[in-house]
C-alpha atoms as a PDB file:
ATOM      1  CA  UNK A   1       3.358  -8.351  27.331  1.00  0.00           C
ATOM      2  CA  UNK A   2       3.771  -5.965  24.435  1.00  0.00           C
ATOM      3  CA  UNK A   3       7.148  -5.608  22.789  1.00  0.00           C
ATOM      4  CA  UNK A   4       8.272  -2.941  20.355  1.00  0.00           C
ATOM      5  CA  UNK A   5      11.152  -3.779  18.059  1.00  0.00           C
ATOM      6  CA  UNK A   6      12.952  -1.240  15.935  1.00  0.00           C
ATOM      7  CA  UNK A   7      15.490  -1.431  13.162  1.00  0.00           C
ATOM      8  CA  UNK A   8      17.250   1.331  11.235  1.00  0.00           C
ATOM      9  CA  UNK A   9      16.323   1.337   7.551  1.00  0.00           C
ATOM     10  CA  UNK A  10      18.640   3.229   5.223  1.00  0.00           C
ATOM     11  CA  UNK A  11      16.775   5.053   2.484  1.00  0.00           C
ATOM     12  CA  UNK A  12      15.339   8.283   1.154  1.00  0.00           C
ATOM     13  CA  UNK A  13      11.868   9.448   2.164  1.00  0.00           C
ATOM     14  CA  UNK A  14       9.592   9.802  -0.831  1.00  0.00           C
ATOM     15  CA  UNK A  15       8.811  13.358   0.278  1.00  0.00           C
ATOM     16  CA  UNK A  16      12.475  14.348  -0.162  1.00  0.00           C
ATOM     17  CA  UNK A  17      12.053  15.022  -3.898  1.00  0.00           C
ATOM     18  CA  UNK A  18       8.921  16.775  -5.135  1.00  0.00           C
ATOM     19  CA  UNK A  19       9.733  15.941  -8.758  1.00  0.00           C
ATOM     20  CA  UNK A  20       8.786  12.517 -10.091  1.00  0.00           C
ATOM     21  CA  UNK A  21      10.527  11.354 -13.235  1.00  0.00           C
ATOM     22  CA  UNK A  22      10.488   8.186 -15.318  1.00  0.00           C
ATOM     23  CA  UNK A  23      13.209   6.626 -13.151  1.00  0.00           C
ATOM     24  CA  UNK A  24      10.772   6.695 -10.201  1.00  0.00           C
ATOM     25  CA  UNK A  25       8.037   4.709 -11.962  1.00  0.00           C
ATOM     26  CA  UNK A  26       9.307   1.274 -10.832  1.00  0.00           C
ATOM     27  CA  UNK A  27       9.226   2.475  -7.208  1.00  0.00           C
ATOM     28  CA  UNK A  28       5.719   3.845  -7.709  1.00  0.00           C
ATOM     29  CA  UNK A  29       4.585   0.545  -9.221  1.00  0.00           C
ATOM     30  CA  UNK A  30       6.144  -1.387  -6.329  1.00  0.00           C
ATOM     31  CA  UNK A  31       4.346   0.848  -3.809  1.00  0.00           C
ATOM     32  CA  UNK A  32       1.010   0.252  -5.503  1.00  0.00           C
ATOM     33  CA  UNK A  33       1.618  -3.510  -5.637  1.00  0.00           C
ATOM     34  CA  UNK A  34       2.633  -3.594  -1.958  1.00  0.00           C
ATOM     35  CA  UNK A  35      -0.383  -1.595  -0.819  1.00  0.00           C
ATOM     36  CA  UNK A  36      -2.783  -3.741  -2.855  1.00  0.00           C
ATOM     37  CA  UNK A  37      -1.155  -6.912  -1.549  1.00  0.00           C
ATOM     38  CA  UNK A  38      -1.504  -5.728   2.037  1.00  0.00           C
ATOM     39  CA  UNK A  39      -5.155  -4.793   1.552  1.00  0.00           C
ATOM     40  CA  UNK A  40      -6.380  -7.606  -0.682  1.00  0.00           C
ATOM     41  CA  UNK A  41      -4.129 -10.593   0.045  1.00  0.00           C
ATOM     42  CA  UNK A  42      -3.158 -10.391   3.711  1.00  0.00           C
ATOM     43  CA  UNK A  43      -5.929  -8.151   5.021  1.00  0.00           C
ATOM     44  CA  UNK A  44      -3.469  -6.316   7.271  1.00  0.00           C
ATOM     45  CA  UNK A  45      -2.236  -3.002   5.945  1.00  0.00           C
ATOM     46  CA  UNK A  46      -0.268   0.095   6.825  1.00  0.00           C
ATOM     47  CA  UNK A  47      -3.009   2.665   7.370  1.00  0.00           C
ATOM     48  CA  UNK A  48      -0.866   5.798   6.857  1.00  0.00           C
ATOM     49  CA  UNK A  49       1.255   5.210   3.727  1.00  0.00           C
ATOM     50  CA  UNK A  50       2.181   8.809   2.848  1.00  0.00           C
ATOM     51  CA  UNK A  51       5.538   9.813   1.372  1.00  0.00           C
ATOM     52  CA  UNK A  52       7.043  10.464   4.801  1.00  0.00           C
ATOM     53  CA  UNK A  53       6.353   6.861   5.849  1.00  0.00           C
ATOM     54  CA  UNK A  54       7.841   5.306   2.722  1.00  0.00           C
ATOM     55  CA  UNK A  55      11.549   5.023   2.005  1.00  0.00           C
ATOM     56  CA  UNK A  56      13.179   4.306  -1.330  1.00  0.00           C
ATOM     57  CA  UNK A  57      15.967   1.837  -0.527  1.00  0.00           C
ATOM     58  CA  UNK A  58      18.646   0.032  -2.523  1.00  0.00           C
ATOM     59  CA  UNK A  59      16.441  -3.072  -2.318  1.00  0.00           C
ATOM     60  CA  UNK A  60      13.242  -1.275  -3.351  1.00  0.00           C
ATOM     61  CA  UNK A  61      10.775   0.210  -0.888  1.00  0.00           C
ATOM     62  CA  UNK A  62      10.356   0.224   2.892  1.00  0.00           C
ATOM     63  CA  UNK A  63       7.268   1.082   4.898  1.00  0.00           C
ATOM     64  CA  UNK A  64       8.060   2.725   8.256  1.00  0.00           C
ATOM     65  CA  UNK A  65       6.012   3.971  11.232  1.00  0.00           C
ATOM     66  CA  UNK A  66       3.384   1.296  11.759  1.00  0.00           C
ATOM     67  CA  UNK A  67       1.563   3.411  14.344  1.00  0.00           C
ATOM     68  CA  UNK A  68      -1.623   2.977  12.313  1.00  0.00           C
ATOM     69  CA  UNK A  69      -2.451  -0.496  11.026  1.00  0.00           C
ATOM     70  CA  UNK A  70      -5.809  -1.588   9.682  1.00  0.00           C
ATOM     71  CA  UNK A  71      -7.366  -5.007   9.289  1.00  0.00           C
ATOM     72  CA  UNK A  72      -9.526  -5.615   6.230  1.00  0.00           C
ATOM     73  CA  UNK A  73     -11.955  -8.502   6.814  1.00  0.00           C
ATOM     74  CA  UNK A  74     -12.245 -11.169   4.119  1.00  0.00           C
ATOM     75  CA  UNK A  75     -15.807 -10.157   3.085  1.00  0.00           C
ATOM     76  CA  UNK A  76     -14.636  -6.570   2.513  1.00  0.00           C
ATOM     77  CA  UNK A  77     -11.637  -7.748   0.477  1.00  0.00           C
ATOM     78  CA  UNK A  78     -13.926  -9.915  -1.645  1.00  0.00           C
ATOM     79  CA  UNK A  79     -16.324  -7.010  -2.130  1.00  0.00           C
ATOM     80  CA  UNK A  80     -13.518  -4.718  -3.274  1.00  0.00           C
ATOM     81  CA  UNK A  81     -12.317  -7.286  -5.807  1.00  0.00           C
ATOM     82  CA  UNK A  82     -15.839  -7.823  -7.116  1.00  0.00           C
ATOM     83  CA  UNK A  83     -16.403  -4.064  -7.430  1.00  0.00           C
ATOM     84  CA  UNK A  84     -13.216  -3.633  -9.455  1.00  0.00           C
ATOM     85  CA  UNK A  85     -14.120  -6.592 -11.682  1.00  0.00           C
ATOM     86  CA  UNK A  86     -17.576  -5.146 -12.319  1.00  0.00           C
ATOM     87  CA  UNK A  87     -16.150  -1.716 -13.187  1.00  0.00           C
ATOM     88  CA  UNK A  88     -13.606  -3.250 -15.567  1.00  0.00           C
ATOM     89  CA  UNK A  89     -16.405  -5.290 -17.196  1.00  0.00           C
ATOM     90  CA  UNK A  90     -18.584  -2.171 -17.495  1.00  0.00           C
ATOM     91  CA  UNK A  91     -21.276  -3.679 -15.243  1.00  0.00           C
ATOM     92  CA  UNK A  92     -21.639  -0.542 -13.130  1.00  0.00           C
ATOM     93  CA  UNK A  93     -25.094  -1.405 -11.778  1.00  0.00           C
ATOM     94  CA  UNK A  94     -23.653  -4.524 -10.061  1.00  0.00           C
ATOM     95  CA  UNK A  95     -21.094  -2.483  -8.088  1.00  0.00           C
ATOM     96  CA  UNK A  96     -23.839  -1.351  -5.697  1.00  0.00           C
ATOM     97  CA  UNK A  97     -24.930  -4.938  -4.956  1.00  0.00           C
END
Protein backbone atom coordinates (compact mmCIF):
# COMPACT_ATOMS: atom_id res chain seq x y z
CA UNK A 1 0.00 0.00 0.00
CA UNK A 2 1.02 3.58 -0.64
CA UNK A 3 -0.26 6.31 1.63
CA UNK A 4 -0.12 10.05 1.07
CA UNK A 5 -0.28 12.27 4.12
CA UNK A 6 -0.78 16.00 3.97
CA UNK A 7 -0.56 18.80 6.47
CA UNK A 8 -1.23 22.53 6.08
CA UNK A 9 1.90 24.61 6.62
CA UNK A 10 1.38 28.30 7.32
CA UNK A 11 3.99 30.48 5.67
CA UNK A 12 4.97 32.75 2.82
CA UNK A 13 6.32 31.35 -0.44
CA UNK A 14 9.79 32.62 -1.18
CA UNK A 15 8.58 33.74 -4.61
CA UNK A 16 6.11 36.17 -2.99
CA UNK A 17 8.74 38.91 -2.62
CA UNK A 18 11.22 39.51 -5.44
CA UNK A 19 13.36 41.76 -3.24
CA UNK A 20 15.87 40.16 -0.89
CA UNK A 21 17.14 42.28 1.97
CA UNK A 22 19.47 41.72 4.91
CA UNK A 23 16.58 40.44 7.05
CA UNK A 24 16.22 37.49 4.64
CA UNK A 25 19.83 36.31 4.99
CA UNK A 26 19.16 33.97 7.95
CA UNK A 27 16.42 32.25 5.93
CA UNK A 28 18.76 31.96 2.95
CA UNK A 29 21.48 30.48 5.15
CA UNK A 30 19.00 28.00 6.65
CA UNK A 31 17.88 26.94 3.16
CA UNK A 32 21.47 26.31 2.09
CA UNK A 33 22.19 24.35 5.28
CA UNK A 34 19.03 22.25 4.85
CA UNK A 35 19.75 21.46 1.21
CA UNK A 36 23.36 20.51 1.96
CA UNK A 37 22.26 18.36 4.89
CA UNK A 38 19.73 16.54 2.73
CA UNK A 39 22.28 15.92 -0.02
CA UNK A 40 25.41 15.18 1.98
CA UNK A 41 24.22 13.80 5.33
CA UNK A 42 21.02 11.87 4.67
CA UNK A 43 21.39 11.21 0.95
CA UNK A 44 17.68 11.85 0.40
CA UNK A 45 16.81 15.29 -0.90
CA UNK A 46 14.01 17.42 -2.27
CA UNK A 47 14.79 17.49 -5.98
CA UNK A 48 12.80 20.65 -6.85
CA UNK A 49 13.65 23.27 -4.19
CA UNK A 50 12.61 26.46 -6.02
CA UNK A 51 11.05 29.46 -4.30
CA UNK A 52 7.52 28.19 -4.90
CA UNK A 53 8.29 24.99 -2.97
CA UNK A 54 9.83 26.75 0.02
CA UNK A 55 7.88 28.60 2.68
CA UNK A 56 9.23 31.08 5.20
CA UNK A 57 7.48 30.19 8.46
CA UNK A 58 7.52 31.53 12.01
CA UNK A 59 9.75 28.57 12.91
CA UNK A 60 12.12 29.03 9.96
CA UNK A 61 11.71 27.27 6.64
CA UNK A 62 9.43 24.57 5.24
CA UNK A 63 9.93 22.46 2.14
CA UNK A 64 6.65 21.55 0.39
CA UNK A 65 5.67 19.46 -2.66
CA UNK A 66 7.85 16.37 -2.43
CA UNK A 67 6.74 15.18 -5.87
CA UNK A 68 10.40 14.94 -6.86
CA UNK A 69 12.81 13.33 -4.41
CA UNK A 70 16.31 12.16 -5.23
CA UNK A 71 18.59 9.68 -3.53
CA UNK A 72 22.30 10.45 -3.46
CA UNK A 73 24.36 7.28 -2.97
CA UNK A 74 27.14 7.33 -0.37
CA UNK A 75 29.97 7.16 -2.96
CA UNK A 76 28.56 10.23 -4.73
CA UNK A 77 28.24 12.12 -1.43
CA UNK A 78 31.84 11.26 -0.58
CA UNK A 79 32.98 12.37 -4.03
CA UNK A 80 31.21 15.71 -3.68
CA UNK A 81 32.83 16.34 -0.30
CA UNK A 82 36.26 15.42 -1.64
CA UNK A 83 35.81 17.70 -4.66
CA UNK A 84 34.90 20.65 -2.44
CA UNK A 85 37.85 19.95 -0.13
CA UNK A 86 40.23 19.82 -3.10
CA UNK A 87 38.89 23.10 -4.51
CA UNK A 88 39.20 24.82 -1.12
CA UNK A 89 42.78 23.49 -0.82
CA UNK A 90 43.59 24.70 -4.35
CA UNK A 91 44.31 21.14 -5.54
CA UNK A 92 42.25 21.50 -8.71
CA UNK A 93 43.92 18.62 -10.56
CA UNK A 94 42.65 16.16 -7.91
CA UNK A 95 39.00 17.15 -8.46
CA UNK A 96 38.93 15.10 -11.67
CA UNK A 97 40.17 11.95 -9.90
